[in-house]
Amino acid sequence: MSEFTKVAAKSEIAPGYTKKVEINGKEIAVFNIGGNFCAIADTCSHRGGPLSEGSVENNVVTCPWHGWEYDVTNGSCLTNPSVTQAKYDVKVDGGDIYVSA
C-alpha cells in the first residue's frame, strides 16, 4: 500500500492553479480544480515539458512547450488519446493536501 505524503496546505494552491512537488524522485503536478485537488505526473509525454507551468482551464492543463492537453482528473491526453499521464491519489485532511506516489 502506498503511503501518503503531505505536499502542501490547501491555502497554497488557489483554484485554477498548480504546484509542482517531488515524492520519492517523482515530479508531480498538484492541481486545484474548483476546490478539488488532483495530481498527475508533471512531465509531458510529448517532449518533457513541465505541466505544472501550463495553463489550466476547467480540468485541462495545456503543456507550455507544445500545447499538448491533459485531463488532470484522470491523466488522459486529449491531444493523443494513446498517451496517459500517471495519476496519483490525493486526499485532503483538514487544511493539508496529501499525495500517494
N, C-alpha and C. Protein backbone atom coordinates (compact mmCIF):
# COMPACT_ATOMS: atom_id res chain seq x y z
N MET A 1 0.85 -1.18 0.00
CA MET A 1 0.00 0.00 0.00
C MET A 1 0.89 1.24 0.00
N SER A 2 0.53 2.20 -0.85
CA SER A 2 1.31 3.42 -0.94
C SER A 2 1.03 4.33 0.24
N GLU A 3 2.05 5.03 0.64
CA GLU A 3 1.95 5.98 1.73
C GLU A 3 1.60 7.35 1.19
N PHE A 4 0.83 8.11 1.94
CA PHE A 4 0.52 9.47 1.56
C PHE A 4 1.56 10.40 2.17
N THR A 5 1.97 11.40 1.39
CA THR A 5 2.95 12.38 1.82
C THR A 5 2.31 13.76 1.77
N LYS A 6 2.48 14.53 2.83
CA LYS A 6 1.97 15.90 2.83
C LYS A 6 2.77 16.71 1.82
N VAL A 7 2.04 17.39 0.91
CA VAL A 7 2.72 18.17 -0.13
C VAL A 7 2.44 19.67 -0.05
N ALA A 8 1.36 20.06 0.62
CA ALA A 8 1.02 21.48 0.68
C ALA A 8 -0.15 21.70 1.63
N ALA A 9 -0.31 22.94 1.99
CA ALA A 9 -1.54 23.36 2.67
C ALA A 9 -2.54 23.73 1.57
N LYS A 10 -3.81 23.53 1.82
CA LYS A 10 -4.83 23.89 0.82
C LYS A 10 -4.69 25.34 0.39
N SER A 11 -4.34 26.20 1.32
CA SER A 11 -4.23 27.63 1.03
C SER A 11 -3.08 27.96 0.07
N GLU A 12 -2.15 27.03 -0.13
CA GLU A 12 -1.02 27.26 -1.03
C GLU A 12 -1.37 27.14 -2.50
N ILE A 13 -2.48 26.45 -2.82
CA ILE A 13 -2.84 26.22 -4.22
C ILE A 13 -4.25 26.75 -4.44
N ALA A 14 -4.35 27.94 -4.99
CA ALA A 14 -5.65 28.56 -5.25
C ALA A 14 -6.37 27.83 -6.37
N PRO A 15 -7.69 27.93 -6.43
CA PRO A 15 -8.44 27.31 -7.53
C PRO A 15 -7.90 27.76 -8.89
N GLY A 16 -7.70 26.78 -9.78
CA GLY A 16 -7.17 27.06 -11.11
C GLY A 16 -5.66 27.10 -11.18
N TYR A 17 -4.99 26.84 -10.05
CA TYR A 17 -3.53 26.88 -10.01
C TYR A 17 -2.95 25.50 -9.71
N THR A 18 -1.63 25.43 -9.83
CA THR A 18 -0.89 24.18 -9.73
C THR A 18 0.35 24.37 -8.87
N LYS A 19 0.76 23.28 -8.24
CA LYS A 19 2.03 23.29 -7.52
C LYS A 19 2.81 22.04 -7.91
N LYS A 20 4.09 22.22 -8.22
CA LYS A 20 4.97 21.10 -8.52
C LYS A 20 5.56 20.60 -7.22
N VAL A 21 5.51 19.27 -7.01
CA VAL A 21 6.10 18.65 -5.84
C VAL A 21 6.94 17.46 -6.28
N GLU A 22 7.79 16.97 -5.38
CA GLU A 22 8.57 15.77 -5.66
C GLU A 22 8.38 14.79 -4.52
N ILE A 23 8.03 13.56 -4.89
CA ILE A 23 7.87 12.49 -3.90
C ILE A 23 8.63 11.27 -4.42
N ASN A 24 9.55 10.78 -3.62
CA ASN A 24 10.33 9.59 -3.99
C ASN A 24 10.94 9.72 -5.38
N GLY A 25 11.44 10.90 -5.72
CA GLY A 25 12.09 11.12 -7.00
C GLY A 25 11.14 11.36 -8.16
N LYS A 26 9.83 11.37 -7.91
CA LYS A 26 8.84 11.60 -8.97
C LYS A 26 8.38 13.05 -8.92
N GLU A 27 8.43 13.73 -10.07
CA GLU A 27 7.93 15.09 -10.15
C GLU A 27 6.43 15.02 -10.46
N ILE A 28 5.65 15.68 -9.62
CA ILE A 28 4.19 15.57 -9.67
C ILE A 28 3.60 16.97 -9.68
N ALA A 29 2.58 17.17 -10.51
CA ALA A 29 1.83 18.42 -10.55
C ALA A 29 0.53 18.22 -9.78
N VAL A 30 0.30 19.07 -8.78
CA VAL A 30 -0.92 19.01 -7.97
C VAL A 30 -1.79 20.19 -8.39
N PHE A 31 -3.03 19.91 -8.78
CA PHE A 31 -3.95 20.91 -9.32
C PHE A 31 -5.12 21.14 -8.36
N ASN A 32 -5.57 22.39 -8.30
CA ASN A 32 -6.79 22.73 -7.58
C ASN A 32 -7.83 23.07 -8.64
N ILE A 33 -8.79 22.17 -8.81
CA ILE A 33 -9.84 22.36 -9.80
C ILE A 33 -11.14 22.63 -9.05
N GLY A 34 -11.44 23.90 -8.87
CA GLY A 34 -12.66 24.29 -8.18
C GLY A 34 -12.76 23.78 -6.75
N GLY A 35 -11.63 23.71 -6.08
CA GLY A 35 -11.61 23.24 -4.69
C GLY A 35 -11.37 21.75 -4.54
N ASN A 36 -11.32 21.02 -5.67
CA ASN A 36 -10.97 19.60 -5.66
C ASN A 36 -9.53 19.46 -6.12
N PHE A 37 -8.77 18.65 -5.42
CA PHE A 37 -7.36 18.50 -5.73
C PHE A 37 -7.10 17.19 -6.45
N CYS A 38 -6.23 17.24 -7.46
CA CYS A 38 -5.84 16.04 -8.19
C CYS A 38 -4.37 16.17 -8.56
N ALA A 39 -3.76 15.04 -8.92
CA ALA A 39 -2.32 15.05 -9.20
C ALA A 39 -1.99 14.08 -10.33
N ILE A 40 -1.13 14.55 -11.24
CA ILE A 40 -0.62 13.72 -12.33
C ILE A 40 0.88 13.96 -12.46
N ALA A 41 1.55 13.10 -13.23
CA ALA A 41 2.98 13.29 -13.49
C ALA A 41 3.19 14.66 -14.12
N ASP A 42 4.24 15.34 -13.70
CA ASP A 42 4.49 16.71 -14.14
C ASP A 42 5.11 16.80 -15.52
N THR A 43 5.74 15.76 -16.01
CA THR A 43 6.48 15.81 -17.26
C THR A 43 5.61 15.37 -18.44
N CYS A 44 5.40 16.28 -19.39
CA CYS A 44 4.59 15.98 -20.58
C CYS A 44 5.21 14.82 -21.36
N SER A 45 4.37 13.91 -21.81
CA SER A 45 4.84 12.74 -22.55
C SER A 45 5.37 13.09 -23.93
N HIS A 46 5.02 14.24 -24.46
CA HIS A 46 5.44 14.61 -25.81
C HIS A 46 6.92 14.96 -25.89
N ARG A 47 7.33 16.00 -25.17
CA ARG A 47 8.72 16.44 -25.22
C ARG A 47 9.27 16.82 -23.85
N GLY A 48 8.59 16.38 -22.79
CA GLY A 48 9.13 16.60 -21.45
C GLY A 48 8.83 17.94 -20.83
N GLY A 49 7.88 18.67 -21.37
CA GLY A 49 7.54 19.98 -20.81
C GLY A 49 6.96 19.88 -19.41
N PRO A 50 7.10 20.93 -18.60
CA PRO A 50 6.60 20.93 -17.22
C PRO A 50 5.12 21.29 -17.17
N LEU A 51 4.27 20.31 -16.94
CA LEU A 51 2.83 20.57 -16.92
C LEU A 51 2.44 21.52 -15.79
N SER A 52 3.22 21.53 -14.72
CA SER A 52 2.92 22.44 -13.60
C SER A 52 3.06 23.91 -14.00
N GLU A 53 3.69 24.17 -15.13
CA GLU A 53 3.83 25.54 -15.62
C GLU A 53 2.83 25.87 -16.73
N GLY A 54 1.98 24.90 -17.06
CA GLY A 54 1.00 25.09 -18.12
C GLY A 54 -0.23 25.83 -17.64
N SER A 55 -1.03 26.30 -18.59
CA SER A 55 -2.28 26.97 -18.24
C SER A 55 -3.35 25.92 -17.96
N VAL A 56 -4.24 26.24 -17.02
CA VAL A 56 -5.29 25.32 -16.61
C VAL A 56 -6.63 25.98 -16.86
N GLU A 57 -7.50 25.27 -17.57
CA GLU A 57 -8.86 25.75 -17.79
C GLU A 57 -9.79 24.57 -17.55
N ASN A 58 -10.76 24.79 -16.64
CA ASN A 58 -11.63 23.71 -16.19
C ASN A 58 -10.75 22.59 -15.65
N ASN A 59 -10.79 21.40 -16.23
CA ASN A 59 -9.96 20.30 -15.74
C ASN A 59 -8.86 19.92 -16.74
N VAL A 60 -8.49 20.86 -17.61
CA VAL A 60 -7.49 20.57 -18.65
C VAL A 60 -6.27 21.47 -18.47
N VAL A 61 -5.09 20.84 -18.47
CA VAL A 61 -3.84 21.59 -18.45
C VAL A 61 -3.22 21.50 -19.84
N THR A 62 -2.67 22.63 -20.29
CA THR A 62 -2.01 22.69 -21.60
C THR A 62 -0.51 22.83 -21.37
N CYS A 63 0.26 21.92 -21.94
CA CYS A 63 1.71 21.97 -21.80
C CYS A 63 2.23 23.29 -22.38
N PRO A 64 3.09 23.99 -21.63
CA PRO A 64 3.58 25.29 -22.11
C PRO A 64 4.55 25.19 -23.29
N TRP A 65 5.07 24.01 -23.57
CA TRP A 65 6.06 23.88 -24.64
C TRP A 65 5.43 23.68 -26.02
N HIS A 66 4.52 22.73 -26.15
CA HIS A 66 3.97 22.42 -27.48
C HIS A 66 2.46 22.27 -27.51
N GLY A 67 1.80 22.62 -26.41
CA GLY A 67 0.34 22.67 -26.42
C GLY A 67 -0.42 21.38 -26.23
N TRP A 68 0.26 20.29 -25.87
CA TRP A 68 -0.48 19.06 -25.61
C TRP A 68 -1.38 19.28 -24.40
N GLU A 69 -2.58 18.72 -24.45
CA GLU A 69 -3.57 18.91 -23.40
C GLU A 69 -3.85 17.60 -22.66
N TYR A 70 -3.99 17.73 -21.33
CA TYR A 70 -4.25 16.57 -20.47
C TYR A 70 -5.42 16.86 -19.53
N ASP A 71 -6.25 15.85 -19.31
CA ASP A 71 -7.29 15.94 -18.30
C ASP A 71 -6.62 15.64 -16.96
N VAL A 72 -6.60 16.61 -16.07
CA VAL A 72 -5.87 16.45 -14.81
C VAL A 72 -6.59 15.54 -13.83
N THR A 73 -7.86 15.22 -14.08
CA THR A 73 -8.60 14.35 -13.17
C THR A 73 -8.30 12.87 -13.38
N ASN A 74 -7.81 12.52 -14.59
CA ASN A 74 -7.53 11.10 -14.85
C ASN A 74 -6.23 10.86 -15.63
N GLY A 75 -5.54 11.91 -16.04
CA GLY A 75 -4.26 11.77 -16.73
C GLY A 75 -4.35 11.53 -18.22
N SER A 76 -5.57 11.44 -18.78
CA SER A 76 -5.69 11.15 -20.21
C SER A 76 -5.24 12.34 -21.04
N CYS A 77 -4.63 12.03 -22.17
CA CYS A 77 -4.14 13.06 -23.08
C CYS A 77 -5.21 13.32 -24.13
N LEU A 78 -5.63 14.56 -24.24
CA LEU A 78 -6.66 14.93 -25.22
C LEU A 78 -6.06 15.11 -26.61
N THR A 79 -4.78 15.40 -26.67
CA THR A 79 -4.09 15.61 -27.94
C THR A 79 -3.77 14.29 -28.62
N ASN A 80 -3.37 13.30 -27.84
CA ASN A 80 -3.03 11.97 -28.35
C ASN A 80 -3.63 10.94 -27.41
N PRO A 81 -4.82 10.44 -27.72
CA PRO A 81 -5.54 9.53 -26.81
C PRO A 81 -4.79 8.24 -26.45
N SER A 82 -3.73 7.91 -27.16
CA SER A 82 -2.98 6.70 -26.81
C SER A 82 -2.01 6.94 -25.65
N VAL A 83 -1.92 8.20 -25.20
CA VAL A 83 -1.00 8.57 -24.12
C VAL A 83 -1.78 8.86 -22.84
N THR A 84 -1.24 8.43 -21.72
CA THR A 84 -1.84 8.72 -20.42
C THR A 84 -0.72 9.08 -19.44
N GLN A 85 -0.93 10.15 -18.69
CA GLN A 85 -0.01 10.53 -17.62
C GLN A 85 -0.31 9.69 -16.39
N ALA A 86 0.71 9.41 -15.59
CA ALA A 86 0.48 8.73 -14.31
C ALA A 86 -0.41 9.61 -13.45
N LYS A 87 -1.39 9.01 -12.80
CA LYS A 87 -2.30 9.72 -11.91
C LYS A 87 -2.01 9.26 -10.49
N TYR A 88 -2.05 10.18 -9.55
CA TYR A 88 -1.74 9.87 -8.16
C TYR A 88 -2.95 10.18 -7.27
N ASP A 89 -3.14 9.34 -6.26
CA ASP A 89 -4.23 9.55 -5.31
C ASP A 89 -3.93 10.76 -4.44
N VAL A 90 -4.97 11.53 -4.19
CA VAL A 90 -4.87 12.74 -3.37
C VAL A 90 -5.92 12.65 -2.27
N LYS A 91 -5.53 13.07 -1.08
CA LYS A 91 -6.52 13.22 -0.01
C LYS A 91 -6.26 14.54 0.71
N VAL A 92 -7.34 15.09 1.24
CA VAL A 92 -7.26 16.33 1.99
C VAL A 92 -7.68 16.01 3.41
N ASP A 93 -6.85 16.42 4.35
CA ASP A 93 -7.14 16.21 5.77
C ASP A 93 -7.00 17.55 6.46
N GLY A 94 -8.13 18.09 6.90
CA GLY A 94 -8.10 19.43 7.49
C GLY A 94 -7.67 20.42 6.43
N GLY A 95 -6.61 21.14 6.69
CA GLY A 95 -6.13 22.14 5.75
C GLY A 95 -4.94 21.67 4.94
N ASP A 96 -4.63 20.36 4.97
CA ASP A 96 -3.43 19.85 4.30
C ASP A 96 -3.79 18.91 3.15
N ILE A 97 -2.92 18.91 2.12
CA ILE A 97 -3.06 18.06 0.94
C ILE A 97 -1.99 16.98 1.00
N TYR A 98 -2.41 15.73 0.75
CA TYR A 98 -1.51 14.59 0.76
C TYR A 98 -1.61 13.87 -0.58
N VAL A 99 -0.47 13.37 -1.07
CA VAL A 99 -0.43 12.63 -2.34
C VAL A 99 0.26 11.30 -2.10
N SER A 100 -0.26 10.27 -2.73
CA SER A 100 0.33 8.93 -2.66
C SER A 100 1.07 8.66 -3.95
N ALA A 101 2.39 8.44 -3.86
CA ALA A 101 3.18 8.17 -5.06
C ALA A 101 4.13 7.02 -4.84
